[in-house]
C-alpha atoms as a PDB file:
ATOM      1  CA  MET A   1       4.325   8.671 -62.909  1.00  0.00           C
ATOM      2  CA  THR A   2       2.348   9.411 -65.236  1.00  0.00           C
ATOM      3  CA  THR A   3      -1.639  10.914 -65.195  1.00  0.00           C
ATOM      4  CA  GLU A   4      -3.846  11.702 -67.782  1.00  0.00           C
ATOM      5  CA  GLN A   5      -5.042  15.057 -66.373  1.00  0.00           C
ATOM      6  CA  PRO A   6      -4.715  17.717 -64.015  1.00  0.00           C
ATOM      7  CA  LEU A   7      -4.416  16.108 -60.200  1.00  0.00           C
ATOM      8  CA  PRO A   8      -6.625  16.548 -57.479  1.00  0.00           C
ATOM      9  CA  PRO A   9      -4.718  17.917 -54.423  1.00  0.00           C
ATOM     10  CA  ARG A  10      -4.772  14.598 -52.373  1.00  0.00           C
ATOM     11  CA  THR A  11      -4.015  12.284 -55.285  1.00  0.00           C
ATOM     12  CA  ARG A  12      -0.730  15.084 -55.928  1.00  0.00           C
ATOM     13  CA  ILE A  13      -0.075  13.700 -52.281  1.00  0.00           C
ATOM     14  CA  VAL A  14      -0.371   9.359 -53.311  1.00  0.00           C
ATOM     15  CA  VAL A  15       1.555  10.214 -56.627  1.00  0.00           C
ATOM     16  CA  GLU A  16       4.021  12.214 -53.968  1.00  0.00           C
ATOM     17  CA  HIS A  17       4.311   9.068 -51.656  1.00  0.00           C
ATOM     18  CA  LEU A  18       4.599   6.091 -54.535  1.00  0.00           C
ATOM     19  CA  ALA A  19       7.427   8.006 -56.545  1.00  0.00           C
ATOM     20  CA  ALA A  20       9.176   8.246 -53.362  1.00  0.00           C
ATOM     21  CA  ALA A  21       8.368   4.210 -52.811  1.00  0.00           C
ATOM     22  CA  GLY A  22      10.446   4.683 -56.435  1.00  0.00           C
ATOM     23  CA  VAL A  23       7.093   3.450 -57.523  1.00  0.00           C
ATOM     24  CA  ASP A  24       6.619   3.992 -61.262  1.00  0.00           C
ATOM     25  CA  THR A  25       2.625   4.259 -62.299  1.00  0.00           C
ATOM     26  CA  ARG A  26       0.298   6.196 -64.310  1.00  0.00           C
ATOM     27  CA  VAL A  27      -3.124   7.667 -62.727  1.00  0.00           C
ATOM     28  CA  VAL A  28      -6.109   8.003 -64.011  1.00  0.00           C
ATOM     29  CA  VAL A  29      -8.615  10.429 -63.276  1.00  0.00           C
ATOM     30  CA  LEU A  30     -11.756   9.326 -64.643  1.00  0.00           C
ATOM     31  CA  PRO A  31     -15.200  12.059 -65.598  1.00  0.00           C
ATOM     32  CA  ASP A  32     -17.634   9.359 -63.515  1.00  0.00           C
ATOM     33  CA  SER A  33     -17.319   8.080 -59.708  1.00  0.00           C
ATOM     34  CA  ALA A  34     -16.091   4.687 -59.323  1.00  0.00           C
ATOM     35  CA  ARG A  35     -16.545   4.614 -54.792  1.00  0.00           C
ATOM     36  CA  THR A  36     -17.420   1.146 -55.373  1.00  0.00           C
ATOM     37  CA  ALA A  37     -15.317  -2.233 -57.362  1.00  0.00           C
ATOM     38  CA  ALA A  38     -18.308  -2.348 -59.443  1.00  0.00           C
ATOM     39  CA  GLU A  39     -18.286   1.343 -60.971  1.00  0.00           C
ATOM     40  CA  ALA A  40     -13.815   1.336 -60.547  1.00  0.00           C
ATOM     41  CA  ALA A  41     -13.807  -2.626 -63.034  1.00  0.00           C
ATOM     42  CA  THR A  42     -16.181  -0.696 -65.092  1.00  0.00           C
ATOM     43  CA  ALA A  43     -14.652   2.552 -66.454  1.00  0.00           C
ATOM     44  CA  VAL A  44     -10.492  -0.187 -66.119  1.00  0.00           C
ATOM     45  CA  GLY A  45     -12.539  -1.974 -67.861  1.00  0.00           C
ATOM     46  CA  CYS A  46     -11.237  -4.583 -65.516  1.00  0.00           C
ATOM     47  CA  GLN A  47     -12.948  -8.126 -63.783  1.00  0.00           C
ATOM     48  CA  VAL A  48     -14.219  -6.341 -60.186  1.00  0.00           C
ATOM     49  CA  GLY A  49     -12.101  -8.729 -58.387  1.00  0.00           C
ATOM     50  CA  ALA A  50      -8.910  -6.776 -59.441  1.00  0.00           C
ATOM     51  CA  ILE A  51     -10.244  -3.897 -57.781  1.00  0.00           C
ATOM     52  CA  ALA A  52      -8.595  -3.264 -54.980  1.00  0.00           C
ATOM     53  CA  ASN A  53     -11.124  -2.110 -51.999  1.00  0.00           C
ATOM     54  CA  SER A  54      -9.246   0.185 -49.621  1.00  0.00           C
ATOM     55  CA  LEU A  55     -11.257  -0.086 -46.294  1.00  0.00           C
ATOM     56  CA  VAL A  56     -10.440   1.230 -42.985  1.00  0.00           C
ATOM     57  CA  LEU A  57     -11.398  -1.175 -40.045  1.00  0.00           C
ATOM     58  CA  THR A  58     -11.347  -0.779 -36.909  1.00  0.00           C
ATOM     59  CA  ALA A  59      -9.632  -3.897 -34.947  1.00  0.00           C
ATOM     60  CA  ASP A  60     -10.030  -3.869 -30.971  1.00  0.00           C
ATOM     61  CA  GLY A  61     -10.372   0.018 -31.778  1.00  0.00           C
ATOM     62  CA  GLU A  62      -7.768   0.736 -33.758  1.00  0.00           C
ATOM     63  CA  PRO A  63      -8.606   1.535 -37.092  1.00  0.00           C
ATOM     64  CA  VAL A  64      -6.706  -0.681 -39.845  1.00  0.00           C
ATOM     65  CA  LEU A  65      -6.579  -0.733 -43.631  1.00  0.00           C
ATOM     66  CA  VAL A  66      -7.472  -3.840 -45.238  1.00  0.00           C
ATOM     67  CA  MET A  67      -7.136  -3.573 -48.718  1.00  0.00           C
ATOM     68  CA  THR A  68      -9.414  -6.609 -50.542  1.00  0.00           C
ATOM     69  CA  SER A  69     -10.159  -8.244 -53.910  1.00  0.00           C
ATOM     70  CA  GLY A  70     -13.603  -6.160 -55.412  1.00  0.00           C
ATOM     71  CA  ALA A  71     -15.224  -9.528 -55.737  1.00  0.00           C
ATOM     72  CA  HIS A  72     -15.447 -10.447 -51.643  1.00  0.00           C
ATOM     73  CA  ARG A  73     -17.419  -9.339 -49.188  1.00  0.00           C
ATOM     74  CA  VAL A  74     -14.976  -9.429 -46.128  1.00  0.00           C
ATOM     75  CA  ASP A  75     -16.351 -11.857 -43.119  1.00  0.00           C
ATOM     76  CA  PHE A  76     -15.255  -9.959 -39.951  1.00  0.00           C
ATOM     77  CA  ALA A  77     -14.974 -12.820 -38.468  1.00  0.00           C
ATOM     78  CA  VAL A  78     -12.656 -14.455 -40.416  1.00  0.00           C
ATOM     79  CA  LEU A  79     -10.374 -11.429 -40.866  1.00  0.00           C
ATOM     80  CA  GLY A  80     -11.230 -11.065 -36.645  1.00  0.00           C
ATOM     81  CA  ALA A  81      -9.556 -14.332 -35.985  1.00  0.00           C
ATOM     82  CA  ALA A  82      -6.574 -13.059 -39.176  1.00  0.00           C
ATOM     83  CA  LEU A  83      -6.223 -10.197 -37.026  1.00  0.00           C
ATOM     84  CA  ASP A  84      -6.071 -12.063 -33.938  1.00  0.00           C
ATOM     85  CA  ALA A  85      -9.130  -9.784 -32.610  1.00  0.00           C
ATOM     86  CA  SER A  86     -12.316  -9.780 -31.031  1.00  0.00           C
ATOM     87  CA  GLU A  87     -13.699  -6.896 -33.121  1.00  0.00           C
ATOM     88  CA  VAL A  88     -13.905  -5.869 -35.765  1.00  0.00           C
ATOM     89  CA  ALA A  89     -15.738  -3.012 -37.599  1.00  0.00           C
ATOM     90  CA  MET A  90     -15.829  -0.393 -40.313  1.00  0.00           C
ATOM     91  CA  ALA A  91     -14.743   2.726 -39.293  1.00  0.00           C
ATOM     92  CA  PRO A  92     -17.477   5.859 -39.228  1.00  0.00           C
ATOM     93  CA  ALA A  93     -16.403   8.335 -42.131  1.00  0.00           C
ATOM     94  CA  ALA A  94     -14.379  10.194 -39.524  1.00  0.00           C
ATOM     95  CA  LEU A  95     -12.565   8.126 -38.602  1.00  0.00           C
ATOM     96  CA  VAL A  96     -11.599   7.309 -41.985  1.00  0.00           C
ATOM     97  CA  ARG A  97     -10.882  10.706 -43.462  1.00  0.00           C
ATOM     98  CA  GLU A  98      -8.880  11.560 -39.626  1.00  0.00           C
ATOM     99  CA  VAL A  99      -6.592   8.450 -40.244  1.00  0.00           C
ATOM    100  CA  THR A 100      -6.016   8.637 -43.978  1.00  0.00           C
ATOM    101  CA  GLY A 101      -6.815  12.000 -44.770  1.00  0.00           C
ATOM    102  CA  GLN A 102      -9.152  11.020 -47.654  1.00  0.00           C
ATOM    103  CA  ALA A 103     -13.161  10.164 -48.111  1.00  0.00           C
ATOM    104  CA  ILE A 104     -14.231   6.851 -48.678  1.00  0.00           C
ATOM    105  CA  GLY A 105     -14.788   5.497 -51.733  1.00  0.00           C
ATOM    106  CA  GLY A 106     -11.556   7.344 -52.351  1.00  0.00           C
ATOM    107  CA  VAL A 107      -9.156   6.339 -49.975  1.00  0.00           C
ATOM    108  CA  ALA A 108      -5.523   4.939 -51.672  1.00  0.00           C
ATOM    109  CA  PRO A 109      -2.731   1.991 -49.980  1.00  0.00           C
ATOM    110  CA  VAL A 110      -0.659   5.645 -49.489  1.00  0.00           C
ATOM    111  CA  GLY A 111      -1.209   9.503 -48.927  1.00  0.00           C
ATOM    112  CA  HIS A 112      -1.527   8.614 -45.248  1.00  0.00           C
ATOM    113  CA  PRO A 113      -1.389  11.340 -41.993  1.00  0.00           C
ATOM    114  CA  ALA A 114       0.480   8.757 -40.651  1.00  0.00           C
ATOM    115  CA  PRO A 115       1.180   4.808 -42.065  1.00  0.00           C
ATOM    116  CA  LEU A 116      -1.916   2.030 -41.225  1.00  0.00           C
ATOM    117  CA  ARG A 117      -0.730  -1.465 -40.258  1.00  0.00           C
ATOM    118  CA  THR A 118      -2.890  -2.947 -43.547  1.00  0.00           C
ATOM    119  CA  PHE A 119      -3.386  -6.419 -44.438  1.00  0.00           C
ATOM    120  CA  LEU A 120      -4.173  -7.614 -48.301  1.00  0.00           C
ATOM    121  CA  ASP A 121      -6.520  -9.817 -48.919  1.00  0.00           C
ATOM    122  CA  GLU A 122      -4.719 -12.445 -50.462  1.00  0.00           C
ATOM    123  CA  ASP A 123      -6.644 -13.331 -53.068  1.00  0.00           C
ATOM    124  CA  LEU A 124      -5.710 -10.435 -55.013  1.00  0.00           C
ATOM    125  CA  GLN A 125      -2.323 -12.066 -56.151  1.00  0.00           C
ATOM    126  CA  GLN A 126      -4.170 -13.631 -58.898  1.00  0.00           C
ATOM    127  CA  HIS A 127      -4.261 -10.701 -60.765  1.00  0.00           C
ATOM    128  CA  PRO A 128      -1.508  -9.793 -62.782  1.00  0.00           C
ATOM    129  CA  GLN A 129      -2.263  -5.870 -62.290  1.00  0.00           C
ATOM    130  CA  ILE A 130      -4.714  -4.699 -59.453  1.00  0.00           C
ATOM    131  CA  TRP A 131      -6.855  -0.632 -59.505  1.00  0.00           C
ATOM    132  CA  ALA A 132      -6.375   0.783 -56.422  1.00  0.00           C
ATOM    133  CA  ALA A 133      -8.588   4.181 -55.171  1.00  0.00           C
ATOM    134  CA  ALA A 134      -5.851   6.924 -56.049  1.00  0.00           C
ATOM    135  CA  GLY A 135      -6.796   9.834 -52.879  1.00  0.00           C
ATOM    136  CA  THR A 136     -10.189  11.173 -54.899  1.00  0.00           C
ATOM    137  CA  PRO A 137     -13.666   8.496 -55.837  1.00  0.00           C
ATOM    138  CA  HIS A 138     -12.680   9.511 -59.172  1.00  0.00           C
ATOM    139  CA  SER A 139      -8.429   8.930 -59.312  1.00  0.00           C
ATOM    140  CA  VAL A 140      -7.118   4.827 -59.696  1.00  0.00           C
ATOM    141  CA  MET A 141      -3.742   3.264 -60.121  1.00  0.00           C
ATOM    142  CA  PRO A 142      -2.942   0.765 -61.878  1.00  0.00           C
ATOM    143  CA  LEU A 143      -0.122  -1.394 -59.862  1.00  0.00           C
ATOM    144  CA  THR A 144       1.192  -5.216 -59.769  1.00  0.00           C
ATOM    145  CA  PHE A 145       0.373  -6.839 -56.099  1.00  0.00           C
ATOM    146  CA  GLU A 146       4.425  -6.854 -55.720  1.00  0.00           C
ATOM    147  CA  GLN A 147       4.125  -3.509 -55.894  1.00  0.00           C
ATOM    148  CA  LEU A 148       1.375  -2.616 -53.021  1.00  0.00           C
ATOM    149  CA  ARG A 149       2.555  -4.998 -50.768  1.00  0.00           C
ATOM    150  CA  THR A 150       5.972  -3.516 -50.850  1.00  0.00           C
ATOM    151  CA  LEU A 151       3.564   0.157 -50.395  1.00  0.00           C
ATOM    152  CA  THR A 152       1.783  -1.230 -47.632  1.00  0.00           C
ATOM    153  CA  GLY A 153       4.200  -3.080 -46.252  1.00  0.00           C
ATOM    154  CA  GLY A 154       1.164  -5.389 -45.536  1.00  0.00           C
ATOM    155  CA  THR A 155       0.435  -8.753 -44.198  1.00  0.00           C
ATOM    156  CA  LEU A 156      -1.516 -11.073 -46.392  1.00  0.00           C
ATOM    157  CA  VAL A 157      -4.488 -12.174 -45.163  1.00  0.00           C
ATOM    158  CA  ARG A 158      -7.841 -14.177 -45.910  1.00  0.00           C
ATOM    159  CA  VAL A 159     -10.545 -11.595 -45.960  1.00  0.00           C
ATOM    160  CA  VAL A 160     -13.364 -14.709 -46.687  1.00  0.00           C
END
């Protein structure tokens, strides 16, 4: 695991989870926010579709993590059918912080107080390298799709 500069506390927790899972990657701390997929893609020099957005949603009231390609806007009806949920909605910011320990715009696929049921946008498989948040809106990390799936135990879904 390599880093470009000292890591924020929330990112250090993510790094601990990565190390425990045997995932060797680097965390990059960006000078500017990467809260949106477009900002993150510009910052790391990749296609917006290679950004793995972390969305905390509620599916029939249960918080779930959906890792989606930055090129997509999630269609809640399509996702609800894939999750067998009658209602899918964005989780409020307070719930996101409670279940992940991280702020919207910086939610990593790991490093949460307890694991979240996770779903992975099948289109992320198209990219040899994807970039995910690493605990803050200023920290990101490259992963392969297989590393992401191994880390999260995520189930493949269609989100659009």
